[in-house]
Amino acid sequence: MGMAAAESQFHVLAVDDNIVDRKLIERLLKTSSYQVTTVDSGSKALEFLGLQEHDLISPNTPSVSPNNLQIGFP
């Protein structure tokens, strides 16, 4: 892939504290030809946001119960 093609790639910053989920997200997005950066915390995500531009941020979202009520974390 040439330099111009790499620069035009959609860049996703995926944030998840679970390594299995991070690897899965990374593999799925890279298979779809996205450029992916993964980090394990919000503070690391903020660091990366200051270093380079991202087209999309995929944050770790709280779990949802069967009746679609969000389960909060302390």
PDB file of N, CA and C in Angstrom:
ATOM      1  N   MET A   1       0.850  -1.165   0.000  1.00  0.00           N
ATOM      2  CA  MET A   1       0.000   0.000   0.000  1.00  0.00           C
ATOM      3  C   MET A   1       0.894   1.225   0.000  1.00  0.00           C
ATOM      4  N   GLY A   2       0.624   2.198  -0.878  1.00  0.00           N
ATOM      5  CA  GLY A   2       1.428   3.396  -0.974  1.00  0.00           C
ATOM      6  C   GLY A   2       1.167   4.356   0.164  1.00  0.00           C
ATOM      7  N   MET A   3       2.012   5.375   0.256  1.00  0.00           N
ATOM      8  CA  MET A   3       1.891   6.356   1.333  1.00  0.00           C
ATOM      9  C   MET A   3       0.551   7.079   1.285  1.00  0.00           C
ATOM     10  N   ALA A   4       0.090   7.484   0.104  1.00  0.00           N
ATOM     11  CA  ALA A   4      -1.183   8.192  -0.011  1.00  0.00           C
ATOM     12  C   ALA A   4      -2.339   7.313   0.439  1.00  0.00           C
ATOM     13  N   ALA A   5      -2.309   6.034   0.102  1.00  0.00           N
ATOM     14  CA  ALA A   5      -3.379   5.118   0.513  1.00  0.00           C
ATOM     15  C   ALA A   5      -3.384   4.939   2.019  1.00  0.00           C
ATOM     16  N   ALA A   6      -2.206   4.835   2.633  1.00  0.00           N
ATOM     17  CA  ALA A   6      -2.127   4.660   4.084  1.00  0.00           C
ATOM     18  C   ALA A   6      -2.648   5.888   4.804  1.00  0.00           C
ATOM     19  N   GLU A   7      -2.369   7.088   4.265  1.00  0.00           N
ATOM     20  CA  GLU A   7      -2.825   8.313   4.903  1.00  0.00           C
ATOM     21  C   GLU A   7      -4.334   8.478   4.798  1.00  0.00           C
ATOM     22  N   SER A   8      -4.960   7.903   3.768  1.00  0.00           N
ATOM     23  CA  SER A   8      -6.393   8.062   3.595  1.00  0.00           C
ATOM     24  C   SER A   8      -7.195   6.985   4.329  1.00  0.00           C
ATOM     25  N   GLN A   9      -6.518   6.034   4.963  1.00  0.00           N
ATOM     26  CA  GLN A   9      -7.199   4.969   5.692  1.00  0.00           C
ATOM     27  C   GLN A   9      -7.958   5.533   6.890  1.00  0.00           C
ATOM     28  N   PHE A  10      -9.124   4.977   7.162  1.00  0.00           N
ATOM     29  CA  PHE A  10      -9.931   5.348   8.316  1.00  0.00           C
ATOM     30  C   PHE A  10      -9.214   4.847   9.563  1.00  0.00           C
ATOM     31  N   HIS A  11      -8.969   5.724  10.538  1.00  0.00           N
ATOM     32  CA  HIS A  11      -8.197   5.357  11.724  1.00  0.00           C
ATOM     33  C   HIS A  11      -9.107   5.289  12.949  1.00  0.00           C
ATOM     34  N   VAL A  12      -9.095   4.137  13.613  1.00  0.00           N
ATOM     35  CA  VAL A  12      -9.934   3.893  14.781  1.00  0.00           C
ATOM     36  C   VAL A  12      -9.062   3.745  16.020  1.00  0.00           C
ATOM     37  N   LEU A  13      -9.452   4.414  17.094  1.00  0.00           N
ATOM     38  CA  LEU A  13      -8.822   4.235  18.399  1.00  0.00           C
ATOM     39  C   LEU A  13      -9.787   3.406  19.240  1.00  0.00           C
ATOM     40  N   ALA A  14      -9.410   2.175  19.555  1.00  0.00           N
ATOM     41  CA  ALA A  14     -10.262   1.264  20.329  1.00  0.00           C
ATOM     42  C   ALA A  14      -9.742   1.186  21.759  1.00  0.00           C
ATOM     43  N   VAL A  15     -10.635   1.428  22.720  1.00  0.00           N
ATOM     44  CA  VAL A  15     -10.269   1.443  24.133  1.00  0.00           C
ATOM     45  C   VAL A  15     -11.020   0.332  24.853  1.00  0.00           C
ATOM     46  N   ASP A  16     -10.279  -0.588  25.455  1.00  0.00           N
ATOM     47  CA  ASP A  16     -10.909  -1.661  26.227  1.00  0.00           C
ATOM     48  C   ASP A  16      -9.889  -2.221  27.200  1.00  0.00           C
ATOM     49  N   ASP A  17     -10.295  -2.440  28.438  1.00  0.00           N
ATOM     50  CA  ASP A  17      -9.364  -2.960  29.440  1.00  0.00           C
ATOM     51  C   ASP A  17      -9.195  -4.477  29.349  1.00  0.00           C
ATOM     52  N   ASN A  18     -10.019  -5.128  28.555  1.00  0.00           N
ATOM     53  CA  ASN A  18      -9.940  -6.577  28.389  1.00  0.00           C
ATOM     54  C   ASN A  18      -9.109  -6.897  27.152  1.00  0.00           C
ATOM     55  N   ILE A  19      -7.985  -7.560  27.342  1.00  0.00           N
ATOM     56  CA  ILE A  19      -7.071  -7.825  26.224  1.00  0.00           C
ATOM     57  C   ILE A  19      -7.703  -8.683  25.131  1.00  0.00           C
ATOM     58  N   VAL A  20      -8.542  -9.628  25.512  1.00  0.00           N
ATOM     59  CA  VAL A  20      -9.199 -10.484  24.513  1.00  0.00           C
ATOM     60  C   VAL A  20     -10.113  -9.634  23.629  1.00  0.00           C
ATOM     61  N   ASP A  21     -10.887  -8.759  24.256  1.00  0.00           N
ATOM     62  CA  ASP A  21     -11.773  -7.881  23.490  1.00  0.00           C
ATOM     63  C   ASP A  21     -10.979  -6.938  22.590  1.00  0.00           C
ATOM     64  N   ARG A  22      -9.872  -6.388  23.117  1.00  0.00           N
ATOM     65  CA  ARG A  22      -9.027  -5.495  22.310  1.00  0.00           C
ATOM     66  C   ARG A  22      -8.497  -6.203  21.075  1.00  0.00           C
ATOM     67  N   LYS A  23      -7.994  -7.426  21.260  1.00  0.00           N
ATOM     68  CA  LYS A  23      -7.441  -8.188  20.132  1.00  0.00           C
ATOM     69  C   LYS A  23      -8.530  -8.517  19.109  1.00  0.00           C
ATOM     70  N   LEU A  24      -9.722  -8.864  19.591  1.00  0.00           N
ATOM     71  CA  LEU A  24     -10.836  -9.172  18.695  1.00  0.00           C
ATOM     72  C   LEU A  24     -11.229  -7.939  17.879  1.00  0.00           C
ATOM     73  N   ILE A  25     -11.384  -6.809  18.551  1.00  0.00           N
ATOM     74  CA  ILE A  25     -11.730  -5.562  17.867  1.00  0.00           C
ATOM     75  C   ILE A  25     -10.666  -5.217  16.830  1.00  0.00           C
ATOM     76  N   GLU A  26      -9.404  -5.326  17.244  1.00  0.00           N
ATOM     77  CA  GLU A  26      -8.299  -5.007  16.343  1.00  0.00           C
ATOM     78  C   GLU A  26      -8.320  -5.903  15.101  1.00  0.00           C
ATOM     79  N   ARG A  27      -8.489  -7.190  15.296  1.00  0.00           N
ATOM     80  CA  ARG A  27      -8.492  -8.132  14.168  1.00  0.00           C
ATOM     81  C   ARG A  27      -9.664  -7.862  13.220  1.00  0.00           C
ATOM     82  N   LEU A  28     -10.855  -7.644  13.788  1.00  0.00           N
ATOM     83  CA  LEU A  28     -12.027  -7.386  12.949  1.00  0.00           C
ATOM     84  C   LEU A  28     -11.858  -6.116  12.121  1.00  0.00           C
ATOM     85  N   LEU A  29     -11.356  -5.065  12.753  1.00  0.00           N
ATOM     86  CA  LEU A  29     -11.200  -3.801  12.037  1.00  0.00           C
ATOM     87  C   LEU A  29     -10.083  -3.860  10.998  1.00  0.00           C
ATOM     88  N   LYS A  30      -8.973  -4.506  11.344  1.00  0.00           N
ATOM     89  CA  LYS A  30      -7.871  -4.618  10.382  1.00  0.00           C
ATOM     90  C   LYS A  30      -8.270  -5.481   9.192  1.00  0.00           C
ATOM     91  N   THR A  31      -9.079  -6.514   9.434  1.00  0.00           N
ATOM     92  CA  THR A  31      -9.585  -7.349   8.343  1.00  0.00           C
ATOM     93  C   THR A  31     -10.422  -6.515   7.374  1.00  0.00           C
ATOM     94  N   SER A  32     -11.065  -5.482   7.906  1.00  0.00           N
ATOM     95  CA  SER A  32     -11.874  -4.585   7.074  1.00  0.00           C
ATOM     96  C   SER A  32     -11.061  -3.400   6.556  1.00  0.00           C
ATOM     97  N   SER A  33      -9.738  -3.493   6.661  1.00  0.00           N
ATOM     98  CA  SER A  33      -8.802  -2.487   6.127  1.00  0.00           C
ATOM     99  C   SER A  33      -8.796  -1.156   6.867  1.00  0.00           C
ATOM    100  N   TYR A  34      -9.153  -1.177   8.147  1.00  0.00           N
ATOM    101  CA  TYR A  34      -9.039   0.033   8.959  1.00  0.00           C
ATOM    102  C   TYR A  34      -7.670   0.071   9.620  1.00  0.00           C
ATOM    103  N   GLN A  35      -7.170   1.272   9.854  1.00  0.00           N
ATOM    104  CA  GLN A  35      -5.966   1.432  10.658  1.00  0.00           C
ATOM    105  C   GLN A  35      -6.451   1.468  12.104  1.00  0.00           C
ATOM    106  N   VAL A  36      -5.832   0.683  12.989  1.00  0.00           N
ATOM    107  CA  VAL A  36      -6.334   0.542  14.354  1.00  0.00           C
ATOM    108  C   VAL A  36      -5.224   0.781  15.367  1.00  0.00           C
ATOM    109  N   THR A  37      -5.556   1.567  16.383  1.00  0.00           N
ATOM    110  CA  THR A  37      -4.708   1.719  17.557  1.00  0.00           C
ATOM    111  C   THR A  37      -5.539   1.233  18.732  1.00  0.00           C
ATOM    112  N   THR A  38      -4.990   0.343  19.557  1.00  0.00           N
ATOM    113  CA  THR A  38      -5.724  -0.129  20.729  1.00  0.00           C
ATOM    114  C   THR A  38      -4.983   0.281  21.990  1.00  0.00           C
ATOM    115  N   VAL A  39      -5.751   0.655  23.005  1.00  0.00           N
ATOM    116  CA  VAL A  39      -5.198   0.998  24.314  1.00  0.00           C
ATOM    117  C   VAL A  39      -6.084   0.388  25.389  1.00  0.00           C
ATOM    118  N   ASP A  40      -5.525   0.253  26.600  1.00  0.00           N
ATOM    119  CA  ASP A  40      -6.263  -0.432  27.663  1.00  0.00           C
ATOM    120  C   ASP A  40      -6.876   0.488  28.713  1.00  0.00           C
ATOM    121  N   SER A  41      -6.815   1.806  28.512  1.00  0.00           N
ATOM    122  CA  SER A  41      -7.408   2.704  29.507  1.00  0.00           C
ATOM    123  C   SER A  41      -7.768   4.050  28.881  1.00  0.00           C
ATOM    124  N   GLY A  42      -8.661   4.744  29.558  1.00  0.00           N
ATOM    125  CA  GLY A  42      -9.050   6.072  29.098  1.00  0.00           C
ATOM    126  C   GLY A  42      -7.898   7.056  29.130  1.00  0.00           C
ATOM    127  N   SER A  43      -7.034   6.942  30.135  1.00  0.00           N
ATOM    128  CA  SER A  43      -5.899   7.866  30.222  1.00  0.00           C
ATOM    129  C   SER A  43      -4.935   7.661  29.053  1.00  0.00           C
ATOM    130  N   LYS A  44      -4.718   6.414  28.650  1.00  0.00           N
ATOM    131  CA  LYS A  44      -3.861   6.151  27.487  1.00  0.00           C
ATOM    132  C   LYS A  44      -4.535   6.643  26.208  1.00  0.00           C
ATOM    133  N   ALA A  45      -5.853   6.522  26.151  1.00  0.00           N
ATOM    134  CA  ALA A  45      -6.579   7.024  24.983  1.00  0.00           C
ATOM    135  C   ALA A  45      -6.384   8.533  24.854  1.00  0.00           C
ATOM    136  N   LEU A  46      -6.443   9.243  25.975  1.00  0.00           N
ATOM    137  CA  LEU A  46      -6.237  10.688  25.939  1.00  0.00           C
ATOM    138  C   LEU A  46      -4.837  11.037  25.451  1.00  0.00           C
ATOM    139  N   GLU A  47      -3.845  10.245  25.844  1.00  0.00           N
ATOM    140  CA  GLU A  47      -2.478  10.462  25.363  1.00  0.00           C
ATOM    141  C   GLU A  47      -2.422  10.317  23.844  1.00  0.00           C
ATOM    142  N   PHE A  48      -3.028   9.260  23.306  1.00  0.00           N
ATOM    143  CA  PHE A  48      -2.998   9.025  21.867  1.00  0.00           C
ATOM    144  C   PHE A  48      -3.778  10.086  21.105  1.00  0.00           C
ATOM    145  N   LEU A  49      -4.853  10.592  21.714  1.00  0.00           N
ATOM    146  CA  LEU A  49      -5.631  11.632  21.045  1.00  0.00           C
ATOM    147  C   LEU A  49      -4.792  12.882  20.829  1.00  0.00           C
ATOM    148  N   GLY A  50      -3.851  13.134  21.735  1.00  0.00           N
ATOM    149  CA  GLY A  50      -2.978  14.290  21.586  1.00  0.00           C
ATOM    150  C   GLY A  50      -1.853  14.070  20.593  1.00  0.00           C
ATOM    151  N   LEU A  51      -1.580  12.824  20.236  1.00  0.00           N
ATOM    152  CA  LEU A  51      -0.456  12.511  19.353  1.00  0.00           C
ATOM    153  C   LEU A  51      -0.827  12.429  17.880  1.00  0.00           C
ATOM    154  N   GLN A  52      -2.013  11.925  17.585  1.00  0.00           N
ATOM    155  CA  GLN A  52      -2.416  11.775  16.188  1.00  0.00           C
ATOM    156  C   GLN A  52      -3.925  11.854  16.055  1.00  0.00           C
ATOM    157  N   GLU A  53      -4.367  12.105  14.836  1.00  0.00           N
ATOM    158  CA  GLU A  53      -5.788  12.262  14.566  1.00  0.00           C
ATOM    159  C   GLU A  53      -6.450  10.902  14.355  1.00  0.00           C
ATOM    160  N   HIS A  54      -7.656  10.748  14.901  1.00  0.00           N
ATOM    161  CA  HIS A  54      -8.432   9.515  14.738  1.00  0.00           C
ATOM    162  C   HIS A  54      -9.790   9.878  14.153  1.00  0.00           C
ATOM    163  N   ASP A  55     -10.312   9.008  13.312  1.00  0.00           N
ATOM    164  CA  ASP A  55     -11.620   9.233  12.711  1.00  0.00           C
ATOM    165  C   ASP A  55     -12.750   8.734  13.605  1.00  0.00           C
ATOM    166  N   LEU A  56     -12.447   7.743  14.445  1.00  0.00           N
ATOM    167  CA  LEU A  56     -13.461   7.146  15.308  1.00  0.00           C
ATOM    168  C   LEU A  56     -12.806   6.647  16.580  1.00  0.00           C
ATOM    169  N   ILE A  57     -13.502   6.823  17.697  1.00  0.00           N
ATOM    170  CA  ILE A  57     -13.037   6.280  18.976  1.00  0.00           C
ATOM    171  C   ILE A  57     -14.066   5.257  19.422  1.00  0.00           C
ATOM    172  N   SER A  58     -13.598   4.044  19.711  1.00  0.00           N
ATOM    173  CA  SER A  58     -14.474   2.977  20.177  1.00  0.00           C
ATOM    174  C   SER A  58     -14.173   2.730  21.650  1.00  0.00           C
ATOM    175  N   PRO A  59     -14.959   3.351  22.547  1.00  0.00           N
ATOM    176  CA  PRO A  59     -14.689   3.169  23.974  1.00  0.00           C
ATOM    177  C   PRO A  59     -15.246   1.852  24.496  1.00  0.00           C
ATOM    178  N   ASN A  60     -14.678   1.397  25.585  1.00  0.00           N
ATOM    179  CA  ASN A  60     -15.203   0.235  26.292  1.00  0.00           C
ATOM    180  C   ASN A  60     -16.532   0.666  26.893  1.00  0.00           C
ATOM    181  N   THR A  61     -17.588  -0.057  26.598  1.00  0.00           N
ATOM    182  CA  THR A  61     -18.900   0.321  27.115  1.00  0.00           C
ATOM    183  C   THR A  61     -19.307  -0.605  28.252  1.00  0.00           C
ATOM    184  N   PRO A  62     -20.065  -0.065  29.206  1.00  0.00           N
ATOM    185  CA  PRO A  62     -20.519  -0.914  30.318  1.00  0.00           C
ATOM    186  C   PRO A  62     -21.406  -2.057  29.830  1.00  0.00           C
ATOM    187  N   SER A  63     -21.470  -3.095  30.624  1.00  0.00           N
ATOM    188  CA  SER A  63     -22.325  -4.238  30.289  1.00  0.00           C
ATOM    189  C   SER A  63     -23.791  -3.835  30.332  1.00  0.00           C
ATOM    190  N   VAL A  64     -24.593  -4.548  29.585  1.00  0.00           N
ATOM    191  CA  VAL A  64     -26.023  -4.285  29.551  1.00  0.00           C
ATOM    192  C   VAL A  64     -26.734  -5.557  29.992  1.00  0.00           C
ATOM    193  N   SER A  65     -27.711  -5.394  30.864  1.00  0.00           N
ATOM    194  CA  SER A  65     -28.459  -6.543  31.353  1.00  0.00           C
ATOM    195  C   SER A  65     -29.472  -6.988  30.297  1.00  0.00           C
ATOM    196  N   PRO A  66     -30.065  -8.183  30.451  1.00  0.00           N
ATOM    197  CA  PRO A  66     -31.028  -8.689  29.459  1.00  0.00           C
ATOM    198  C   PRO A  66     -32.200  -7.753  29.194  1.00  0.00           C
ATOM    199  N   ASN A  67     -32.586  -6.943  30.176  1.00  0.00           N
ATOM    200  CA  ASN A  67     -33.706  -6.027  29.951  1.00  0.00           C
ATOM    201  C   ASN A  67     -33.231  -4.651  29.479  1.00  0.00           C
ATOM    202  N   ASN A  68     -31.980  -4.591  28.991  1.00  0.00           N
ATOM    203  CA  ASN A  68     -31.382  -3.398  28.400  1.00  0.00           C
ATOM    204  C   ASN A  68     -31.136  -2.252  29.376  1.00  0.00           C
ATOM    205  N   LEU A  69     -31.103  -2.537  30.661  1.00  0.00           N
ATOM    206  CA  LEU A  69     -30.726  -1.515  31.629  1.00  0.00           C
ATOM    207  C   LEU A  69     -29.217  -1.529  31.774  1.00  0.00           C
ATOM    208  N   GLN A  70     -28.633  -0.358  31.726  1.00  0.00           N
ATOM    209  CA  GLN A  70     -27.188  -0.270  31.838  1.00  0.00           C
ATOM    210  C   GLN A  70     -26.753  -0.625  33.257  1.00  0.00           C
ATOM    211  N   ILE A  71     -25.713  -1.458  33.354  1.00  0.00           N
ATOM    212  CA  ILE A  71     -25.169  -1.838  34.650  1.00  0.00           C
ATOM    213  C   ILE A  71     -24.009  -0.912  34.946  1.00  0.00           C
ATOM    214  N   GLY A  72     -24.118  -0.140  36.016  1.00  0.00           N
ATOM    215  CA  GLY A  72     -23.070   0.824  36.355  1.00  0.00           C
ATOM    216  C   GLY A  72     -21.901   0.178  37.056  1.00  0.00           C
ATOM    217  N   PHE A  73     -20.774   0.844  36.981  1.00  0.00           N
ATOM    218  CA  PHE A  73     -19.569   0.400  37.663  1.00  0.00           C
ATOM    219  C   PHE A  73     -19.205   1.422  38.724  1.00  0.00           C
ATOM    220  N   PRO A  74     -18.682   0.962  39.873  1.00  0.00           N
ATOM    221  CA  PRO A  74     -18.334   1.914  40.943  1.00  0.00           C
ATOM    222  C   PRO A  74     -17.209   2.831  40.536  1.00  0.00           C
TER     223      PRO A  74
END
